[in-house]
């Protein structure tokens, strides 16, 4: 294509859309934590458990280093947010939409996003986040809401992880398995559904065929 920025939807969008997108993440997060506890009930082979433990250990080693918050956020939040969104919601989702339609593209790119992280004990929540990012990208016609939400999600995890890694009685593994009260999950799900309703009904999306046109 002669318009790669249009193909991957690198278009500016409004502050309202960006705000609503992050608000949706706030509602989605407790639901994702609950899905994480459900995912952990699925038995996995020992080699997968060992692989995931090595990943957790590596992340903890990075977080306990005195690298500074800004550097950690750049490496572990901003860079993956931009690069992964450009790949998954920018290129892969666009190609899947052309071949299989919007709904299938959102589901498949979410699953691919979850598998990409090799965290099989967190596959369902990661896929859920991936589907939300894919929906935002399609509905708003812009990749920036997904990039921002991805960054905010990663930044929260980095800051929280840095705090936990410095506490002698806490670790990342116990944090991931933390249970959220049912009423909090329910209220969060209602908030998330309300945000989706507003985004779906009030944002202005570019015509789906316009950026797909090849030169």
Protein backbone atom coordinates (compact mmCIF):
# COMPACT_ATOMS: atom_id res chain seq x y z
CA UNK A 1 0.00 0.00 0.00
CA UNK A 2 1.11 3.56 -0.62
CA UNK A 3 -0.61 4.64 2.63
CA UNK A 4 0.81 2.40 5.37
CA UNK A 5 -0.25 4.78 8.16
CA UNK A 6 -3.87 4.53 7.00
CA UNK A 7 -3.62 0.76 6.60
CA UNK A 8 -2.56 0.29 10.23
CA UNK A 9 -4.95 3.07 11.35
CA UNK A 10 -2.34 5.47 12.72
CA UNK A 11 -4.89 8.28 12.76
CA UNK A 12 -5.41 10.87 15.45
CA UNK A 13 -8.56 10.64 17.52
CA UNK A 14 -10.32 12.78 20.11
CA UNK A 15 -9.46 13.16 23.78
CA UNK A 16 -12.96 11.87 24.61
CA UNK A 17 -12.32 8.61 22.79
CA UNK A 18 -8.97 8.17 24.54
CA UNK A 19 -10.55 8.90 27.93
CA UNK A 20 -13.39 6.44 27.34
CA UNK A 21 -10.90 3.80 26.22
CA UNK A 22 -8.90 4.07 29.45
CA UNK A 23 -12.11 4.13 31.49
CA UNK A 24 -13.03 0.86 29.82
CA UNK A 25 -9.73 -0.61 30.99
CA UNK A 26 -10.57 0.42 34.57
CA UNK A 27 -13.79 -1.56 34.33
CA UNK A 28 -12.15 -4.48 32.56
CA UNK A 29 -9.23 -4.95 34.98
CA UNK A 30 -11.14 -6.63 37.86
CA UNK A 31 -12.87 -8.85 35.31
CA UNK A 32 -9.48 -9.79 33.88
CA UNK A 33 -8.19 -10.61 37.39
CA UNK A 34 -11.20 -12.86 37.93
CA UNK A 35 -10.61 -14.57 34.59
CA UNK A 36 -7.02 -15.11 35.71
CA UNK A 37 -8.16 -17.12 38.73
CA UNK A 38 -10.43 -19.17 36.45
CA UNK A 39 -7.56 -19.77 34.01
CA UNK A 40 -5.31 -20.99 36.83
CA UNK A 41 -7.75 -23.83 37.54
CA UNK A 42 -6.88 -25.38 34.17
CA UNK A 43 -4.16 -28.03 34.67
CA UNK A 44 -0.97 -27.39 32.70
CA UNK A 45 2.08 -29.58 32.02
CA UNK A 46 5.09 -29.16 34.28
CA UNK A 47 7.24 -27.71 31.49
CA UNK A 48 4.79 -24.86 31.00
CA UNK A 49 4.81 -24.13 34.75
CA UNK A 50 8.61 -24.08 34.68
CA UNK A 51 8.64 -21.78 31.63
CA UNK A 52 6.26 -19.34 33.27
CA UNK A 53 8.20 -19.40 36.54
CA UNK A 54 11.39 -18.53 34.66
CA UNK A 55 9.55 -15.59 33.07
CA UNK A 56 8.33 -14.38 36.47
CA UNK A 57 11.83 -14.71 37.92
CA UNK A 58 13.30 -12.72 35.03
CA UNK A 59 10.74 -9.94 35.43
CA UNK A 60 11.39 -9.80 39.18
CA UNK A 61 15.14 -9.52 38.56
CA UNK A 62 14.56 -6.58 36.23
CA UNK A 63 12.16 -4.83 38.60
CA UNK A 64 14.44 -5.06 41.64
CA UNK A 65 17.28 -3.38 39.73
CA UNK A 66 17.68 0.32 40.39
CA UNK A 67 16.99 1.29 36.76
CA UNK A 68 14.59 4.12 37.54
CA UNK A 69 10.87 4.36 36.94
CA UNK A 70 11.21 6.26 33.65
CA UNK A 71 13.58 3.71 32.10
CA UNK A 72 11.47 0.78 33.32
CA UNK A 73 8.29 2.33 31.91
CA UNK A 74 9.99 2.99 28.57
CA UNK A 75 11.33 -0.55 28.23
CA UNK A 76 8.47 -2.55 29.77
CA UNK A 77 5.44 -0.37 29.06
CA UNK A 78 5.85 2.13 26.22
CA UNK A 79 7.96 0.08 23.79
CA UNK A 80 5.81 -3.10 23.88
CA UNK A 81 2.62 -1.01 23.80
CA UNK A 82 3.60 0.65 20.53
CA UNK A 83 5.34 -2.30 18.87
CA UNK A 84 2.79 -4.97 19.81
CA UNK A 85 -0.14 -2.78 18.81
CA UNK A 86 1.48 -1.96 15.48
CA UNK A 87 1.88 -5.69 14.84
CA UNK A 88 -1.35 -7.16 16.22
CA UNK A 89 -4.00 -4.44 15.97
CA UNK A 90 -2.27 -2.61 13.15
CA UNK A 91 -1.17 -5.21 10.62
CA UNK A 92 -2.50 -8.64 11.67
CA UNK A 93 -6.00 -7.43 12.54
CA UNK A 94 -6.31 -5.53 9.27
CA UNK A 95 -5.37 -8.61 7.26
CA UNK A 96 -7.75 -10.81 9.24
CA UNK A 97 -10.58 -8.32 8.72
CA UNK A 98 -10.02 -8.46 4.97
CA UNK A 99 -10.07 -12.27 4.93
CA UNK A 100 -12.60 -13.25 7.62
CA UNK A 101 -14.56 -10.16 8.67
CA UNK A 102 -14.49 -7.91 11.72
CA UNK A 103 -15.90 -10.23 14.41
CA UNK A 104 -13.59 -13.12 13.56
CA UNK A 105 -10.61 -10.77 13.33
CA UNK A 106 -11.26 -9.38 16.83
CA UNK A 107 -11.49 -12.87 18.36
CA UNK A 108 -8.52 -14.35 16.50
CA UNK A 109 -6.18 -11.41 17.06
CA UNK A 110 -7.09 -11.49 20.76
CA UNK A 111 -6.20 -15.17 20.98
CA UNK A 112 -2.96 -14.64 19.05
CA UNK A 113 -2.10 -11.80 21.41
CA UNK A 114 -2.63 -14.08 24.40
CA UNK A 115 -0.54 -16.90 22.90
CA UNK A 116 2.24 -14.48 21.96
CA UNK A 117 3.08 -13.87 25.63
CA UNK A 118 3.64 -17.58 26.40
CA UNK A 119 1.76 -17.16 29.69
CA UNK A 120 -0.67 -20.06 29.37
CA UNK A 121 -1.89 -19.70 32.95
CA UNK A 122 -2.98 -16.18 31.94
CA UNK A 123 -4.10 -16.96 28.38
CA UNK A 124 -7.79 -16.16 28.92
CA UNK A 125 -7.29 -12.73 30.56
CA UNK A 126 -4.59 -11.77 28.03
CA UNK A 127 -6.88 -12.78 25.16
CA UNK A 128 -9.69 -10.74 26.71
CA UNK A 129 -7.47 -7.67 26.83
CA UNK A 130 -6.39 -8.34 23.25
CA UNK A 131 -10.00 -8.51 22.08
CA UNK A 132 -10.81 -5.24 23.83
CA UNK A 133 -7.86 -3.54 22.14
CA UNK A 134 -8.91 -5.01 18.79
CA UNK A 135 -12.47 -3.76 19.25
CA UNK A 136 -11.26 -0.26 20.13
CA UNK A 137 -9.06 -0.16 17.05
CA UNK A 138 -11.88 -1.21 14.73
CA UNK A 139 -14.62 0.89 16.30
CA UNK A 140 -12.67 4.14 16.60
CA UNK A 141 -10.76 3.75 13.34
CA UNK A 142 -7.55 4.61 15.18
CA UNK A 143 -4.69 2.61 16.66
CA UNK A 144 -3.92 5.23 19.31
CA UNK A 145 -6.64 4.21 21.81
CA UNK A 146 -5.24 0.66 21.85
CA UNK A 147 -1.67 1.97 22.23
CA UNK A 148 -2.70 4.21 25.12
CA UNK A 149 -4.71 1.48 26.89
CA UNK A 150 -1.87 -1.01 26.39
CA UNK A 151 0.62 1.47 27.84
CA UNK A 152 -1.57 2.31 30.84
CA UNK A 153 -2.11 -1.40 31.55
CA UNK A 154 1.62 -2.14 31.32
CA UNK A 155 2.59 0.96 33.29
CA UNK A 156 0.26 -0.02 36.14
CA UNK A 157 1.75 -3.53 36.15
CA UNK A 158 5.32 -2.17 36.14
CA UNK A 159 4.76 0.30 38.98
CA UNK A 160 2.86 -2.27 41.04
CA UNK A 161 5.50 -4.91 40.28
CA UNK A 162 8.31 -2.57 41.36
CA UNK A 163 6.53 -1.98 44.65
CA UNK A 164 5.79 -5.68 45.26
CA UNK A 165 9.33 -6.79 44.36
CA UNK A 166 10.67 -4.57 47.13
CA UNK A 167 8.39 -6.09 49.78
CA UNK A 168 9.93 -9.11 51.54
CA UNK A 169 6.54 -10.72 52.23
CA UNK A 170 5.11 -10.32 48.71
CA UNK A 171 5.90 -11.62 45.21
CA UNK A 172 4.51 -11.32 41.67
CA UNK A 173 3.11 -14.84 41.66
CA UNK A 174 0.91 -14.22 44.70
CA UNK A 175 -0.16 -10.90 43.21
CA UNK A 176 -1.36 -12.56 39.99
CA UNK A 177 -3.39 -15.12 41.96
CA UNK A 178 -5.05 -12.47 44.14
CA UNK A 179 -8.81 -12.93 44.32
CA UNK A 180 -11.15 -10.01 43.69
CA UNK A 181 -14.43 -9.82 45.66
CA UNK A 182 -17.40 -10.88 43.56
CA UNK A 183 -19.25 -7.60 44.03
CA UNK A 184 -16.23 -5.65 42.76
CA UNK A 185 -16.03 -7.85 39.66
CA UNK A 186 -19.76 -7.43 39.05
CA UNK A 187 -19.66 -3.64 39.42
CA UNK A 188 -16.60 -3.48 37.17
CA UNK A 189 -18.34 -5.59 34.53
CA UNK A 190 -21.32 -3.21 34.59
CA UNK A 191 -18.97 -0.23 34.21
CA UNK A 192 -17.15 -1.92 31.34
CA UNK A 193 -20.41 -2.73 29.56
CA UNK A 194 -21.54 0.88 29.97
CA UNK A 195 -18.29 2.20 28.51
CA UNK A 196 -18.60 -0.18 25.55
CA UNK A 197 -22.15 1.02 24.97
CA UNK A 198 -21.01 4.64 24.88
CA UNK A 199 -18.00 3.92 22.67
CA UNK A 200 -20.03 1.83 20.25
CA UNK A 201 -22.83 4.34 19.98
CA UNK A 202 -21.06 7.68 19.97
CA UNK A 203 -17.63 7.35 18.39
CA UNK A 204 -17.28 8.10 14.70
CA UNK A 205 -15.54 5.34 12.80
CA UNK A 206 -13.91 5.70 9.40
CA UNK A 207 -15.55 3.69 6.57
CA UNK A 208 -14.15 0.15 6.85
CA UNK A 209 -13.22 -0.06 3.17
CA UNK A 210 -11.42 3.28 2.96
CA UNK A 211 -8.10 2.41 4.65
CA UNK A 212 -8.09 -1.14 3.22
CA UNK A 213 -7.74 0.03 -0.36
CA UNK A 214 -4.44 -0.97 -1.91
CA UNK A 215 -2.68 1.36 -4.33
